[in-house]
Amino acid sequence: MDDRVIRAALDRHWAASDASDFEMEHQIYREDAVLDYPQLGERINGRRKIESSRAAQPNRKRFTVRRITGTGDLWVTEYVLTYDGRPSYTVSIMEFLDGKVARETQYFGNPFEPGPSRAQWVERIS
């Protein structure tokens, strides 16, 4: 599948995620898609279960995509997922099969204060 087609599908997916348009958000997934959350030790099997689990979350969510990179069947999105005003820096790795996501793995990193030993070499970013 053409990389431009997948990139456009990813753009629609993340825009729908930010708008809480669950039906549109999950059109990118195969019916038998698998979603892994390694930090939670969880796996969700199937598009319907993935969609239902996300729709059931009580948090108010916002998605800010920082970058999307990939080619062929492997794509990575770096974004900030903000739950109820608290940011979580997130990486989503999506593997495509026949133009749809067959497997996704999401990693979350919460912000933390850096150690003072690095202060002279770094600048703060947001």
Protein backbone atom coordinates (compact mmCIF):
# COMPACT_ATOMS: atom_id res chain seq x y z
CA MET A 1 0.00 0.00 0.00
CA ASP A 2 1.15 3.51 -0.81
CA ASP A 3 2.76 5.32 2.15
CA ARG A 4 0.69 8.44 1.43
CA VAL A 5 -2.53 6.45 1.88
CA ILE A 6 -1.38 5.06 5.23
CA ARG A 7 -0.19 8.48 6.37
CA ALA A 8 -3.58 9.99 5.49
CA ALA A 9 -5.31 7.19 7.42
CA LEU A 10 -3.08 7.91 10.43
CA ASP A 11 -3.86 11.62 10.25
CA ARG A 12 -7.61 10.81 10.25
CA HIS A 13 -7.13 8.35 13.12
CA TRP A 14 -5.34 10.82 15.40
CA ALA A 15 -7.74 13.67 14.54
CA ALA A 16 -10.68 11.38 15.38
CA SER A 17 -8.94 10.32 18.59
CA ASP A 18 -8.62 13.95 19.63
CA ALA A 19 -12.28 14.59 18.78
CA SER A 20 -13.47 11.47 20.68
CA ASP A 21 -15.03 10.19 17.44
CA PHE A 22 -14.66 6.54 18.41
CA GLU A 23 -16.18 5.09 15.25
CA MET A 24 -13.84 7.05 12.96
CA GLU A 25 -10.87 6.52 15.28
CA HIS A 26 -11.15 2.75 15.00
CA GLN A 27 -11.73 2.42 11.25
CA ILE A 28 -7.96 2.08 10.87
CA TYR A 29 -7.95 -1.29 12.69
CA ARG A 30 -8.51 -4.77 11.29
CA GLU A 31 -11.31 -6.72 12.96
CA ASP A 32 -8.69 -9.05 14.48
CA ALA A 33 -6.28 -6.27 15.53
CA VAL A 34 -4.21 -6.69 18.68
CA LEU A 35 -3.35 -3.79 21.01
CA ASP A 36 -0.61 -4.20 23.61
CA TYR A 37 0.09 -1.96 26.60
CA PRO A 38 3.41 -3.43 27.89
CA GLN A 39 3.62 -1.12 30.92
CA LEU A 40 0.22 -2.33 32.10
CA GLY A 41 0.77 -5.95 31.10
CA GLU A 42 -2.43 -5.82 29.03
CA ARG A 43 -3.47 -7.02 25.60
CA ILE A 44 -6.78 -6.29 23.89
CA ASN A 45 -7.81 -8.58 21.05
CA GLY A 46 -10.16 -7.34 18.36
CA ARG A 47 -11.24 -3.97 17.00
CA ARG A 48 -14.57 -3.96 18.85
CA LYS A 49 -12.94 -4.58 22.23
CA ILE A 50 -10.30 -1.93 21.55
CA GLU A 51 -13.00 0.61 20.69
CA SER A 52 -15.19 -0.37 23.66
CA SER A 53 -12.30 -0.11 26.12
CA ARG A 54 -11.46 3.38 24.93
CA ALA A 55 -15.06 4.58 24.84
CA ALA A 56 -15.52 3.41 28.45
CA GLN A 57 -12.64 5.52 29.81
CA PRO A 58 -14.05 8.28 31.99
CA ASN A 59 -11.14 10.66 31.42
CA ARG A 60 -11.29 13.71 29.22
CA LYS A 61 -8.58 13.12 26.60
CA ARG A 62 -6.70 15.27 24.11
CA PHE A 63 -4.15 14.10 21.55
CA THR A 64 -1.33 16.29 20.23
CA VAL A 65 0.74 14.56 17.56
CA ARG A 66 4.39 15.54 17.58
CA ARG A 67 5.50 13.41 14.64
CA ILE A 68 4.60 10.43 12.53
CA THR A 69 7.23 8.42 10.74
CA GLY A 70 7.18 5.17 8.87
CA THR A 71 7.13 3.35 5.61
CA GLY A 72 5.50 0.22 4.33
CA ASP A 73 3.85 -1.76 7.09
CA LEU A 74 5.54 -0.15 10.13
CA TRP A 75 4.61 3.31 11.44
CA VAL A 76 5.46 5.17 14.65
CA THR A 77 3.57 8.11 16.12
CA GLU A 78 4.97 10.23 18.93
CA TYR A 79 2.28 12.23 20.67
CA VAL A 80 1.18 13.79 23.92
CA LEU A 81 -1.93 12.20 25.37
CA THR A 82 -3.44 14.52 27.92
CA TYR A 83 -5.82 12.92 30.42
CA ASP A 84 -7.82 15.40 32.48
CA GLY A 85 -5.17 18.05 31.90
CA ARG A 86 -2.16 15.84 32.75
CA PRO A 87 0.24 15.04 29.88
CA SER A 88 1.56 11.58 29.13
CA TYR A 89 4.27 11.36 26.48
CA THR A 90 3.33 8.46 24.26
CA VAL A 91 4.69 6.35 21.42
CA SER A 92 2.44 4.20 19.29
CA ILE A 93 3.95 1.55 17.04
CA MET A 94 1.52 0.30 14.41
CA GLU A 95 2.02 -2.68 12.13
CA PHE A 96 -0.20 -2.71 9.05
CA LEU A 97 -1.51 -5.66 7.08
CA ASP A 98 -3.50 -5.06 3.91
CA GLY A 99 -3.83 -1.36 4.70
CA LYS A 100 -5.22 -1.75 8.24
CA VAL A 101 -3.58 -1.94 11.67
CA ALA A 102 -2.98 -5.56 12.64
CA ARG A 103 -0.96 -4.82 15.79
CA GLU A 104 -0.35 -1.73 17.87
CA THR A 105 1.91 -1.31 20.87
CA GLN A 106 1.65 1.83 23.00
CA TYR A 107 4.27 3.07 25.47
CA PHE A 108 3.53 5.85 27.97
CA GLY A 109 5.97 8.09 29.80
CA ASN A 110 4.84 10.51 32.45
CA PRO A 111 6.80 13.72 33.03
CA PHE A 112 9.32 13.82 35.87
CA GLU A 113 11.77 16.34 37.25
CA PRO A 114 15.34 15.95 35.97
CA GLY A 115 18.29 15.72 38.31
CA PRO A 116 20.26 18.91 39.05
CA SER A 117 23.52 17.40 37.76
CA ARG A 118 22.46 18.10 34.16
CA ALA A 119 21.27 21.68 34.63
CA GLN A 120 24.34 23.30 33.04
CA TRP A 121 23.91 21.38 29.74
CA VAL A 122 20.18 21.34 29.11
CA GLU A 123 17.34 23.66 28.30
CA ARG A 124 13.73 23.03 29.25
CA ILE A 125 11.23 22.22 26.49
CA SER A 126 7.48 21.76 26.60
